[in-house]
Amino acid sequence: MQAVADVLGVDPKALNYHVGDREALRELVAVDAFVVELGRMQIPTGGDWRDVLRCYASALRDAHRALGVLANYFRLPASGLAALEPVEQVLQALVDAGFSVEDAGHILRLVSELGHAAGREAVFSSQSRAHPYVSEVATALDTAVAQDFPLLRQVVAARDADPDDGHHLDFGLDAIIAGLQTKRSQH
C-alpha cells in the first residue's frame, strides 16, 4: 500500500482510510478495468434481442479475459454504476421484444452468469493449458476401472484435444435463445 500511496502522492494513512486494504484496492482496480472494458461494447441500438444477448455475453467474457488475474477480485459495488448502463440496454431490448420485466430480469441473470463463466474459463485457459476442474476429473478417472465412465472419458479427452475457444459460450447462448424463442411462441 505504501508503494501505491507513493505513486498517487497521498499519505498512506489516507489511502488505508479510503480504500481499506489490498483486497479492497484490487477490487477497486478490477471494477474500474471491467467498466472500461465493458464500455467498449457496442450494443446494437434497436437491434434484435438475440444479437443484443450475444453481444452482451461476449462483452462480459472479453472483459473478464482483459482483467486476467484481477478477474478474481471483480465485484460490482454501487460505485460501479457505469457498468449498469449496458445492463439497462439489454433489459430494454428484451422488454421491447415482448418479454415481461420479470422474464427480462431472469434472462439477464442467466446470460450474465454464462458470460461471466465464459470469462473465468478464458482466464483459466490463458494461465494454464489444463483447466483445474478438468484435470481433477481426469485424475479421478485414472483411479477408476478402464470401462467405467466411457462418455465422461470422451468428454475429457475432447476437452484436452481442443480447449474451448468460445464454442461453449456460443452453444450456451444458442440453447438459451432457442428456449426463449420456444417460450415466446407459446404465449
N, C-alpha and C. Protein backbone atom coordinates (compact mmCIF):
# COMPACT_ATOMS: atom_id res chain seq x y z
N MET A 1 0.82 -1.18 0.00
CA MET A 1 0.00 0.00 0.00
C MET A 1 0.87 1.26 0.00
N GLN A 2 2.05 1.14 0.62
CA GLN A 2 2.96 2.28 0.66
C GLN A 2 3.36 2.69 -0.76
N ALA A 3 3.68 1.69 -1.59
CA ALA A 3 4.10 1.99 -2.96
C ALA A 3 2.97 2.66 -3.75
N VAL A 4 1.75 2.20 -3.54
CA VAL A 4 0.60 2.80 -4.22
C VAL A 4 0.42 4.24 -3.75
N ALA A 5 0.51 4.44 -2.45
CA ALA A 5 0.38 5.80 -1.90
C ALA A 5 1.47 6.71 -2.47
N ASP A 6 2.68 6.19 -2.60
CA ASP A 6 3.78 6.98 -3.17
C ASP A 6 3.48 7.38 -4.61
N VAL A 7 3.00 6.43 -5.41
CA VAL A 7 2.69 6.71 -6.82
C VAL A 7 1.56 7.73 -6.92
N LEU A 8 0.57 7.61 -6.05
CA LEU A 8 -0.55 8.54 -6.08
C LEU A 8 -0.23 9.89 -5.43
N GLY A 9 0.86 9.92 -4.68
CA GLY A 9 1.24 11.15 -4.00
C GLY A 9 0.33 11.48 -2.83
N VAL A 10 -0.12 10.44 -2.14
CA VAL A 10 -1.00 10.66 -0.99
C VAL A 10 -0.39 10.01 0.25
N ASP A 11 -0.90 10.40 1.38
CA ASP A 11 -0.47 9.83 2.65
C ASP A 11 -1.01 8.39 2.72
N PRO A 12 -0.16 7.43 3.07
CA PRO A 12 -0.62 6.04 3.17
C PRO A 12 -1.80 5.86 4.12
N LYS A 13 -1.87 6.68 5.17
CA LYS A 13 -2.99 6.58 6.11
C LYS A 13 -4.30 6.97 5.41
N ALA A 14 -4.22 7.98 4.56
CA ALA A 14 -5.42 8.40 3.82
C ALA A 14 -5.87 7.29 2.87
N LEU A 15 -4.91 6.65 2.23
CA LEU A 15 -5.23 5.54 1.33
C LEU A 15 -5.88 4.40 2.10
N ASN A 16 -5.31 4.05 3.23
CA ASN A 16 -5.88 2.99 4.05
C ASN A 16 -7.27 3.36 4.54
N TYR A 17 -7.47 4.63 4.89
CA TYR A 17 -8.77 5.07 5.37
C TYR A 17 -9.84 4.96 4.29
N HIS A 18 -9.51 5.41 3.07
CA HIS A 18 -10.49 5.45 1.99
C HIS A 18 -10.63 4.12 1.25
N VAL A 19 -9.57 3.36 1.20
CA VAL A 19 -9.60 2.12 0.43
C VAL A 19 -9.73 0.91 1.34
N GLY A 20 -9.03 0.91 2.42
CA GLY A 20 -9.07 -0.23 3.33
C GLY A 20 -7.78 -1.02 3.24
N ASP A 21 -7.83 -2.11 2.54
CA ASP A 21 -6.66 -2.99 2.46
C ASP A 21 -6.37 -3.36 1.00
N ARG A 22 -5.41 -4.26 0.83
CA ARG A 22 -5.02 -4.67 -0.54
C ARG A 22 -6.17 -5.30 -1.30
N GLU A 23 -6.96 -6.12 -0.61
CA GLU A 23 -8.09 -6.76 -1.28
C GLU A 23 -9.07 -5.72 -1.81
N ALA A 24 -9.36 -4.72 -1.00
CA ALA A 24 -10.28 -3.66 -1.42
C ALA A 24 -9.69 -2.87 -2.59
N LEU A 25 -8.38 -2.63 -2.56
CA LEU A 25 -7.73 -1.92 -3.66
C LEU A 25 -7.81 -2.75 -4.94
N ARG A 26 -7.56 -4.04 -4.83
CA ARG A 26 -7.67 -4.91 -6.01
C ARG A 26 -9.10 -4.90 -6.57
N GLU A 27 -10.08 -4.92 -5.68
CA GLU A 27 -11.47 -4.87 -6.13
C GLU A 27 -11.75 -3.57 -6.87
N LEU A 28 -11.27 -2.45 -6.34
CA LEU A 28 -11.48 -1.16 -7.00
C LEU A 28 -10.83 -1.13 -8.39
N VAL A 29 -9.62 -1.63 -8.47
CA VAL A 29 -8.91 -1.66 -9.76
C VAL A 29 -9.65 -2.58 -10.73
N ALA A 30 -10.09 -3.73 -10.23
CA ALA A 30 -10.81 -4.69 -11.09
C ALA A 30 -12.11 -4.10 -11.60
N VAL A 31 -12.87 -3.44 -10.74
CA VAL A 31 -14.13 -2.83 -11.17
C VAL A 31 -13.86 -1.76 -12.22
N ASP A 32 -12.85 -0.93 -11.98
CA ASP A 32 -12.53 0.12 -12.93
C ASP A 32 -12.14 -0.47 -14.28
N ALA A 33 -11.28 -1.46 -14.27
CA ALA A 33 -10.85 -2.10 -15.52
C ALA A 33 -12.03 -2.77 -16.22
N PHE A 34 -12.91 -3.41 -15.44
CA PHE A 34 -14.07 -4.07 -16.01
C PHE A 34 -15.00 -3.06 -16.68
N VAL A 35 -15.24 -1.95 -16.00
CA VAL A 35 -16.11 -0.90 -16.55
C VAL A 35 -15.52 -0.35 -17.84
N VAL A 36 -14.21 -0.16 -17.87
CA VAL A 36 -13.56 0.33 -19.09
C VAL A 36 -13.76 -0.67 -20.23
N GLU A 37 -13.53 -1.95 -19.94
CA GLU A 37 -13.69 -2.97 -20.98
C GLU A 37 -15.14 -3.08 -21.44
N LEU A 38 -16.06 -3.07 -20.49
CA LEU A 38 -17.47 -3.18 -20.83
C LEU A 38 -17.92 -1.96 -21.62
N GLY A 39 -17.31 -0.81 -21.34
CA GLY A 39 -17.64 0.41 -22.05
C GLY A 39 -17.29 0.35 -23.53
N ARG A 40 -16.45 -0.57 -23.91
CA ARG A 40 -16.08 -0.73 -25.32
C ARG A 40 -17.17 -1.46 -26.11
N MET A 41 -18.09 -2.08 -25.37
CA MET A 41 -19.15 -2.85 -26.01
C MET A 41 -20.10 -1.91 -26.74
N GLN A 42 -20.46 -2.30 -27.92
CA GLN A 42 -21.43 -1.55 -28.70
C GLN A 42 -22.70 -2.40 -28.84
N ILE A 43 -23.65 -2.18 -27.94
CA ILE A 43 -24.91 -2.92 -28.03
C ILE A 43 -25.70 -2.36 -29.19
N PRO A 44 -26.17 -3.25 -30.07
CA PRO A 44 -26.94 -2.77 -31.22
C PRO A 44 -28.21 -2.05 -30.76
N THR A 45 -28.30 -0.76 -31.01
CA THR A 45 -29.48 0.01 -30.63
C THR A 45 -30.62 -0.37 -31.55
N GLY A 46 -31.74 -0.72 -30.94
CA GLY A 46 -32.89 -1.14 -31.74
C GLY A 46 -32.65 -2.45 -32.45
N GLY A 47 -31.60 -3.16 -32.03
CA GLY A 47 -31.26 -4.43 -32.67
C GLY A 47 -32.10 -5.57 -32.17
N ASP A 48 -31.96 -6.67 -32.83
CA ASP A 48 -32.66 -7.89 -32.46
C ASP A 48 -32.20 -8.34 -31.07
N TRP A 49 -33.11 -8.74 -30.23
CA TRP A 49 -32.79 -9.12 -28.85
C TRP A 49 -31.76 -10.24 -28.79
N ARG A 50 -31.78 -11.13 -29.78
CA ARG A 50 -30.81 -12.24 -29.81
C ARG A 50 -29.40 -11.71 -30.03
N ASP A 51 -29.27 -10.74 -30.91
CA ASP A 51 -27.96 -10.12 -31.15
C ASP A 51 -27.49 -9.36 -29.91
N VAL A 52 -28.43 -8.71 -29.24
CA VAL A 52 -28.09 -7.97 -28.02
C VAL A 52 -27.56 -8.93 -26.95
N LEU A 53 -28.24 -10.07 -26.77
CA LEU A 53 -27.77 -11.05 -25.78
C LEU A 53 -26.39 -11.59 -26.13
N ARG A 54 -26.19 -11.88 -27.41
CA ARG A 54 -24.87 -12.40 -27.83
C ARG A 54 -23.78 -11.35 -27.60
N CYS A 55 -24.08 -10.12 -27.94
CA CYS A 55 -23.12 -9.03 -27.76
C CYS A 55 -22.78 -8.86 -26.28
N TYR A 56 -23.79 -8.86 -25.44
CA TYR A 56 -23.60 -8.65 -24.00
C TYR A 56 -22.78 -9.79 -23.39
N ALA A 57 -23.15 -11.02 -23.69
CA ALA A 57 -22.42 -12.17 -23.12
C ALA A 57 -20.97 -12.18 -23.59
N SER A 58 -20.75 -11.88 -24.85
CA SER A 58 -19.39 -11.83 -25.38
C SER A 58 -18.58 -10.71 -24.73
N ALA A 59 -19.23 -9.57 -24.50
CA ALA A 59 -18.55 -8.45 -23.84
C ALA A 59 -18.17 -8.81 -22.41
N LEU A 60 -19.04 -9.51 -21.70
CA LEU A 60 -18.71 -9.95 -20.34
C LEU A 60 -17.50 -10.88 -20.36
N ARG A 61 -17.53 -11.84 -21.30
CA ARG A 61 -16.40 -12.77 -21.41
C ARG A 61 -15.11 -12.00 -21.72
N ASP A 62 -15.17 -11.10 -22.66
CA ASP A 62 -13.98 -10.36 -23.07
C ASP A 62 -13.47 -9.44 -21.95
N ALA A 63 -14.39 -8.87 -21.18
CA ALA A 63 -13.97 -8.01 -20.07
C ALA A 63 -13.25 -8.84 -19.01
N HIS A 64 -13.75 -10.02 -18.72
CA HIS A 64 -13.06 -10.91 -17.78
C HIS A 64 -11.68 -11.28 -18.31
N ARG A 65 -11.64 -11.62 -19.59
CA ARG A 65 -10.36 -12.01 -20.21
C ARG A 65 -9.36 -10.86 -20.10
N ALA A 66 -9.82 -9.64 -20.33
CA ALA A 66 -8.93 -8.48 -20.24
C ALA A 66 -8.45 -8.25 -18.81
N LEU A 67 -9.28 -8.57 -17.83
CA LEU A 67 -8.87 -8.40 -16.43
C LEU A 67 -7.78 -9.39 -16.04
N GLY A 68 -7.76 -10.53 -16.65
CA GLY A 68 -6.75 -11.54 -16.30
C GLY A 68 -6.89 -11.94 -14.84
N VAL A 69 -5.79 -11.91 -14.12
CA VAL A 69 -5.80 -12.35 -12.72
C VAL A 69 -6.68 -11.46 -11.84
N LEU A 70 -6.91 -10.21 -12.26
CA LEU A 70 -7.78 -9.33 -11.48
C LEU A 70 -9.24 -9.78 -11.53
N ALA A 71 -9.59 -10.68 -12.46
CA ALA A 71 -10.97 -11.17 -12.55
C ALA A 71 -11.43 -11.79 -11.25
N ASN A 72 -10.51 -12.37 -10.50
CA ASN A 72 -10.86 -12.98 -9.22
C ASN A 72 -11.34 -11.95 -8.21
N TYR A 73 -11.00 -10.69 -8.42
CA TYR A 73 -11.34 -9.63 -7.46
C TYR A 73 -12.54 -8.80 -7.91
N PHE A 74 -13.08 -9.14 -9.06
CA PHE A 74 -14.17 -8.33 -9.60
C PHE A 74 -15.45 -8.52 -8.78
N ARG A 75 -15.99 -7.41 -8.32
CA ARG A 75 -17.30 -7.33 -7.68
C ARG A 75 -17.94 -6.07 -8.24
N LEU A 76 -19.23 -6.05 -8.31
CA LEU A 76 -19.89 -4.87 -8.83
C LEU A 76 -20.54 -4.11 -7.69
N PRO A 77 -19.79 -3.21 -7.04
CA PRO A 77 -20.37 -2.41 -5.96
C PRO A 77 -21.21 -1.28 -6.53
N ALA A 78 -21.90 -0.60 -5.65
CA ALA A 78 -22.75 0.52 -6.07
C ALA A 78 -21.95 1.59 -6.81
N SER A 79 -20.64 1.67 -6.51
CA SER A 79 -19.82 2.67 -7.18
C SER A 79 -19.54 2.31 -8.63
N GLY A 80 -19.90 1.10 -9.05
CA GLY A 80 -19.67 0.66 -10.42
C GLY A 80 -20.88 0.90 -11.31
N LEU A 81 -21.55 2.04 -11.13
CA LEU A 81 -22.80 2.30 -11.86
C LEU A 81 -22.61 2.37 -13.36
N ALA A 82 -21.44 2.74 -13.83
CA ALA A 82 -21.22 2.81 -15.28
C ALA A 82 -21.38 1.44 -15.93
N ALA A 83 -21.09 0.39 -15.18
CA ALA A 83 -21.25 -0.97 -15.71
C ALA A 83 -22.71 -1.37 -15.83
N LEU A 84 -23.59 -0.58 -15.23
CA LEU A 84 -25.02 -0.91 -15.27
C LEU A 84 -25.71 -0.37 -16.52
N GLU A 85 -25.07 0.56 -17.23
CA GLU A 85 -25.70 1.10 -18.44
C GLU A 85 -25.99 0.03 -19.48
N PRO A 86 -25.02 -0.85 -19.79
CA PRO A 86 -25.33 -1.91 -20.76
C PRO A 86 -26.40 -2.87 -20.24
N VAL A 87 -26.46 -3.06 -18.94
CA VAL A 87 -27.48 -3.93 -18.35
C VAL A 87 -28.86 -3.36 -18.65
N GLU A 88 -29.02 -2.06 -18.47
CA GLU A 88 -30.30 -1.41 -18.76
C GLU A 88 -30.64 -1.55 -20.24
N GLN A 89 -29.64 -1.44 -21.10
CA GLN A 89 -29.88 -1.58 -22.54
C GLN A 89 -30.34 -2.99 -22.89
N VAL A 90 -29.74 -3.99 -22.26
CA VAL A 90 -30.14 -5.37 -22.50
C VAL A 90 -31.58 -5.58 -22.04
N LEU A 91 -31.89 -5.10 -20.84
CA LEU A 91 -33.25 -5.23 -20.33
C LEU A 91 -34.25 -4.55 -21.26
N GLN A 92 -33.90 -3.36 -21.75
CA GLN A 92 -34.80 -2.63 -22.64
C GLN A 92 -35.03 -3.41 -23.94
N ALA A 93 -33.98 -3.99 -24.49
CA ALA A 93 -34.11 -4.78 -25.72
C ALA A 93 -35.04 -5.97 -25.50
N LEU A 94 -34.93 -6.60 -24.33
CA LEU A 94 -35.78 -7.75 -24.03
C LEU A 94 -37.24 -7.34 -23.84
N VAL A 95 -37.46 -6.25 -23.13
CA VAL A 95 -38.83 -5.75 -22.93
C VAL A 95 -39.42 -5.32 -24.27
N ASP A 96 -38.61 -4.65 -25.09
CA ASP A 96 -39.08 -4.23 -26.42
C ASP A 96 -39.45 -5.44 -27.28
N ALA A 97 -38.79 -6.58 -27.03
CA ALA A 97 -39.06 -7.79 -27.80
C ALA A 97 -40.29 -8.54 -27.29
N GLY A 98 -40.90 -8.02 -26.22
CA GLY A 98 -42.13 -8.62 -25.73
C GLY A 98 -42.01 -9.43 -24.46
N PHE A 99 -40.81 -9.50 -23.87
CA PHE A 99 -40.64 -10.20 -22.61
C PHE A 99 -41.12 -9.29 -21.48
N SER A 100 -41.67 -9.89 -20.44
CA SER A 100 -42.05 -9.09 -19.28
C SER A 100 -40.79 -8.62 -18.57
N VAL A 101 -40.92 -7.63 -17.72
CA VAL A 101 -39.77 -7.15 -16.96
C VAL A 101 -39.23 -8.28 -16.08
N GLU A 102 -40.12 -9.06 -15.50
CA GLU A 102 -39.68 -10.19 -14.66
C GLU A 102 -38.88 -11.20 -15.48
N ASP A 103 -39.42 -11.58 -16.65
CA ASP A 103 -38.69 -12.53 -17.51
C ASP A 103 -37.37 -11.93 -17.99
N ALA A 104 -37.39 -10.64 -18.33
CA ALA A 104 -36.15 -9.98 -18.78
C ALA A 104 -35.10 -10.05 -17.68
N GLY A 105 -35.50 -9.88 -16.44
CA GLY A 105 -34.56 -10.00 -15.32
C GLY A 105 -33.97 -11.39 -15.22
N HIS A 106 -34.81 -12.41 -15.39
CA HIS A 106 -34.31 -13.79 -15.35
C HIS A 106 -33.36 -14.07 -16.51
N ILE A 107 -33.73 -13.58 -17.68
CA ILE A 107 -32.89 -13.77 -18.87
C ILE A 107 -31.54 -13.09 -18.67
N LEU A 108 -31.59 -11.86 -18.18
CA LEU A 108 -30.35 -11.12 -17.94
C LEU A 108 -29.44 -11.88 -16.99
N ARG A 109 -30.00 -12.38 -15.91
CA ARG A 109 -29.19 -13.12 -14.93
C ARG A 109 -28.58 -14.37 -15.57
N LEU A 110 -29.37 -15.10 -16.33
CA LEU A 110 -28.88 -16.32 -16.96
C LEU A 110 -27.75 -16.03 -17.95
N VAL A 111 -27.95 -15.02 -18.79
CA VAL A 111 -26.94 -14.67 -19.78
C VAL A 111 -25.71 -14.07 -19.11
N SER A 112 -25.91 -13.29 -18.06
CA SER A 112 -24.77 -12.72 -17.31
C SER A 112 -23.93 -13.83 -16.69
N GLU A 113 -24.60 -14.80 -16.09
CA GLU A 113 -23.86 -15.92 -15.48
C GLU A 113 -23.07 -16.67 -16.54
N LEU A 114 -23.67 -16.87 -17.71
CA LEU A 114 -22.98 -17.56 -18.79
C LEU A 114 -21.78 -16.75 -19.27
N GLY A 115 -21.95 -15.45 -19.43
CA GLY A 115 -20.85 -14.59 -19.89
C GLY A 115 -19.71 -14.53 -18.88
N HIS A 116 -20.06 -14.40 -17.59
CA HIS A 116 -19.03 -14.38 -16.54
C HIS A 116 -18.30 -15.73 -16.48
N ALA A 117 -19.05 -16.82 -16.58
CA ALA A 117 -18.42 -18.15 -16.55
C ALA A 117 -17.48 -18.33 -17.74
N ALA A 118 -17.90 -17.88 -18.91
CA ALA A 118 -17.03 -17.97 -20.09
C ALA A 118 -15.78 -17.13 -19.89
N GLY A 119 -15.93 -16.00 -19.22
CA GLY A 119 -14.76 -15.16 -18.93
C GLY A 119 -13.80 -15.83 -17.98
N ARG A 120 -14.35 -16.45 -16.93
CA ARG A 120 -13.47 -17.17 -15.99
C ARG A 120 -12.76 -18.31 -16.69
N GLU A 121 -13.46 -19.00 -17.58
CA GLU A 121 -12.85 -20.09 -18.36
C GLU A 121 -11.71 -19.54 -19.23
N ALA A 122 -11.94 -18.39 -19.84
CA ALA A 122 -10.91 -17.78 -20.69
C ALA A 122 -9.68 -17.41 -19.86
N VAL A 123 -9.89 -16.91 -18.65
CA VAL A 123 -8.77 -16.58 -17.77
C VAL A 123 -8.03 -17.85 -17.37
N PHE A 124 -8.78 -18.89 -17.00
CA PHE A 124 -8.15 -20.18 -16.66
C PHE A 124 -7.28 -20.65 -17.83
N SER A 125 -7.85 -20.60 -19.03
CA SER A 125 -7.14 -21.10 -20.22
C SER A 125 -5.89 -20.29 -20.52
N SER A 126 -5.94 -18.98 -20.25
CA SER A 126 -4.77 -18.15 -20.54
C SER A 126 -3.64 -18.39 -19.53
N GLN A 127 -3.99 -18.87 -18.35
CA GLN A 127 -2.99 -19.08 -17.31
C GLN A 127 -2.40 -20.48 -17.33
N SER A 128 -3.14 -21.43 -17.87
CA SER A 128 -2.68 -22.81 -17.83
C SER A 128 -3.38 -23.59 -18.93
N ARG A 129 -2.67 -24.50 -19.52
CA ARG A 129 -3.26 -25.36 -20.56
C ARG A 129 -4.35 -26.24 -19.97
N ALA A 130 -4.12 -26.71 -18.76
CA ALA A 130 -5.06 -27.63 -18.12
C ALA A 130 -5.99 -26.88 -17.18
N HIS A 131 -7.27 -27.01 -17.41
CA HIS A 131 -8.25 -26.42 -16.52
C HIS A 131 -8.26 -27.23 -15.22
N PRO A 132 -8.27 -26.57 -14.07
CA PRO A 132 -8.16 -27.32 -12.81
C PRO A 132 -9.27 -28.33 -12.61
N TYR A 133 -10.49 -28.00 -13.00
CA TYR A 133 -11.59 -28.95 -12.80
C TYR A 133 -11.46 -30.15 -13.71
N VAL A 134 -11.06 -29.90 -14.95
CA VAL A 134 -10.90 -31.00 -15.91
C VAL A 134 -9.77 -31.91 -15.47
N SER A 135 -8.66 -31.34 -15.02
CA SER A 135 -7.54 -32.18 -14.59
C SER A 135 -7.91 -32.98 -13.35
N GLU A 136 -8.73 -32.41 -12.46
CA GLU A 136 -9.18 -33.16 -11.28
C GLU A 136 -10.08 -34.32 -11.69
N VAL A 137 -10.96 -34.10 -12.65
CA VAL A 137 -11.83 -35.17 -13.14
C VAL A 137 -10.97 -36.24 -13.82
N ALA A 138 -9.99 -35.81 -14.62
CA ALA A 138 -9.11 -36.77 -15.28
C ALA A 138 -8.34 -37.62 -14.27
N THR A 139 -7.87 -36.98 -13.21
CA THR A 139 -7.16 -37.71 -12.16
C THR A 139 -8.09 -38.72 -11.49
N ALA A 140 -9.31 -38.31 -11.21
CA ALA A 140 -10.28 -39.24 -10.61
C ALA A 140 -10.57 -40.40 -11.55
N LEU A 141 -10.69 -40.12 -12.85
CA LEU A 141 -10.95 -41.19 -13.81
C LEU A 141 -9.79 -42.17 -13.91
N ASP A 142 -8.57 -41.69 -13.68
CA ASP A 142 -7.40 -42.57 -13.71
C ASP A 142 -7.46 -43.64 -12.62
N THR A 143 -8.21 -43.36 -11.57
CA THR A 143 -8.31 -44.33 -10.48
C THR A 143 -9.47 -45.31 -10.69
N ALA A 144 -10.31 -45.04 -11.68
CA ALA A 144 -11.47 -45.90 -11.94
C ALA A 144 -11.09 -47.03 -12.90
N VAL A 145 -11.92 -48.03 -12.92
CA VAL A 145 -11.75 -49.13 -13.86
C VAL A 145 -11.88 -48.57 -15.27
N ALA A 146 -11.07 -49.06 -16.20
CA ALA A 146 -11.00 -48.50 -17.55
C ALA A 146 -12.35 -48.47 -18.27
N GLN A 147 -13.24 -49.39 -17.97
CA GLN A 147 -14.54 -49.44 -18.65
C GLN A 147 -15.57 -48.50 -18.03
N ASP A 148 -15.28 -47.97 -16.85
CA ASP A 148 -16.22 -47.07 -16.19
C ASP A 148 -16.17 -45.67 -16.81
N PHE A 149 -17.28 -45.03 -16.86
CA PHE A 149 -17.42 -43.65 -17.31
C PHE A 149 -16.92 -43.41 -18.74
N PRO A 150 -17.36 -44.24 -19.69
CA PRO A 150 -16.83 -44.08 -21.06
C PRO A 150 -17.17 -42.73 -21.70
N LEU A 151 -18.36 -42.22 -21.45
CA LEU A 151 -18.73 -40.94 -22.06
C LEU A 151 -17.98 -39.78 -21.42
N LEU A 152 -17.85 -39.81 -20.10
CA LEU A 152 -17.10 -38.75 -19.42
C LEU A 152 -15.65 -38.75 -19.88
N ARG A 153 -15.08 -39.93 -20.08
CA ARG A 153 -13.70 -40.02 -20.59
C ARG A 153 -13.58 -39.37 -21.96
N GLN A 154 -14.59 -39.58 -22.81
CA GLN A 154 -14.56 -38.97 -24.15
C GLN A 154 -14.65 -37.45 -24.06
N VAL A 155 -15.49 -36.96 -23.16
CA VAL A 155 -15.63 -35.51 -22.98
C VAL A 155 -14.32 -34.91 -22.51
N VAL A 156 -13.67 -35.54 -21.52
CA VAL A 156 -12.40 -35.03 -21.00
C VAL A 156 -11.32 -35.08 -22.08
N ALA A 157 -11.27 -36.17 -22.83
CA ALA A 157 -10.28 -36.30 -23.89
C ALA A 157 -10.49 -35.23 -24.97
N ALA A 158 -11.74 -34.99 -25.32
CA ALA A 158 -12.04 -33.97 -26.33
C ALA A 158 -11.66 -32.59 -25.82
N ARG A 159 -11.88 -32.35 -24.56
CA ARG A 159 -11.53 -31.06 -23.95
C ARG A 159 -10.02 -30.86 -23.99
N ASP A 160 -9.27 -31.91 -23.71
CA ASP A 160 -7.81 -31.82 -23.76
C ASP A 160 -7.31 -31.60 -25.19
N ALA A 161 -7.96 -32.23 -26.15
CA ALA A 161 -7.53 -32.13 -27.54
C ALA A 161 -7.87 -30.78 -28.16
N ASP A 162 -9.00 -30.20 -27.75
CA ASP A 162 -9.47 -28.94 -28.33
C ASP A 162 -10.07 -28.06 -27.25
N PRO A 163 -9.21 -27.30 -26.53
CA PRO A 163 -9.74 -26.45 -25.47
C PRO A 163 -10.73 -25.43 -26.02
N ASP A 164 -11.66 -25.04 -25.19
CA ASP A 164 -12.72 -24.13 -25.59
C ASP A 164 -12.17 -22.80 -26.07
N ASP A 165 -12.68 -22.34 -27.18
CA ASP A 165 -12.28 -21.01 -27.69
C ASP A 165 -13.52 -20.19 -28.01
N GLY A 166 -14.51 -20.33 -27.17
CA GLY A 166 -15.74 -19.60 -27.38
C GLY A 166 -16.90 -20.49 -27.79
N HIS A 167 -16.61 -21.74 -28.11
CA HIS A 167 -17.67 -22.65 -28.54
C HIS A 167 -18.69 -22.88 -27.43
N HIS A 168 -18.21 -22.97 -26.19
CA HIS A 168 -19.12 -23.21 -25.08
C HIS A 168 -20.07 -22.03 -24.90
N LEU A 169 -19.56 -20.82 -25.01
CA LEU A 169 -20.42 -19.64 -24.89
C LEU A 169 -21.44 -19.63 -26.02
N ASP A 170 -21.00 -19.89 -27.23
CA ASP A 170 -21.93 -19.92 -28.37
C ASP A 170 -23.00 -20.99 -28.18
N PHE A 171 -22.58 -22.17 -27.73
CA PHE A 171 -23.53 -23.26 -27.50
C PHE A 171 -24.55 -22.86 -26.44
N GLY A 172 -24.07 -22.30 -25.34
CA GLY A 172 -24.96 -21.87 -24.27
C GLY A 172 -25.95 -20.82 -24.73
N LEU A 173 -25.45 -19.84 -25.49
CA LEU A 173 -26.34 -18.80 -26.00
C LEU A 173 -27.36 -19.36 -26.98
N ASP A 174 -26.91 -20.28 -27.84
CA ASP A 174 -27.84 -20.92 -28.78
C ASP A 174 -28.95 -21.64 -28.02
N ALA A 175 -28.58 -22.36 -26.95
CA ALA A 175 -29.57 -23.11 -26.16
C ALA A 175 -30.53 -22.15 -25.46
N ILE A 176 -30.00 -21.10 -24.87
CA ILE A 176 -30.85 -20.13 -24.17
C ILE A 176 -31.80 -19.46 -25.16
N ILE A 177 -31.28 -19.01 -26.28
CA ILE A 177 -32.11 -18.31 -27.26
C ILE A 177 -33.17 -19.22 -27.84
N ALA A 178 -32.80 -20.46 -28.13
CA ALA A 178 -33.79 -21.41 -28.66
C ALA A 178 -34.91 -21.64 -27.63
N GLY A 179 -34.54 -21.77 -26.38
CA GLY A 179 -35.55 -21.95 -25.33
C GLY A 179 -36.43 -20.73 -25.19
N LEU A 180 -35.85 -19.54 -25.28
CA LEU A 180 -36.62 -18.31 -25.17
C LEU A 180 -37.57 -18.14 -26.36
N GLN A 181 -37.11 -18.52 -27.54
CA GLN A 181 -37.96 -18.43 -28.71
C GLN A 181 -39.16 -19.36 -28.57
N THR A 182 -38.90 -20.55 -28.05
CA THR A 182 -40.00 -21.50 -27.83
C THR A 182 -40.97 -20.96 -26.79
N LYS A 183 -40.42 -20.40 -25.71
CA LYS A 183 -41.27 -19.84 -24.65
C LYS A 183 -42.11 -18.69 -25.19
N ARG A 184 -41.52 -17.85 -26.02
CA ARG A 184 -42.26 -16.70 -26.59
C ARG A 184 -43.38 -17.18 -27.51
N SER A 185 -43.12 -18.23 -28.29
CA SER A 185 -44.13 -18.72 -29.23
C SER A 185 -45.30 -19.39 -28.53
N GLN A 186 -45.11 -19.82 -27.28
CA GLN A 186 -46.17 -20.47 -26.52
C GLN A 186 -47.10 -19.45 -25.88
N HIS A 187 -46.71 -18.19 -25.87
CA HIS A 187 -47.54 -17.15 -25.23
C HIS A 187 -48.38 -16.43 -26.23
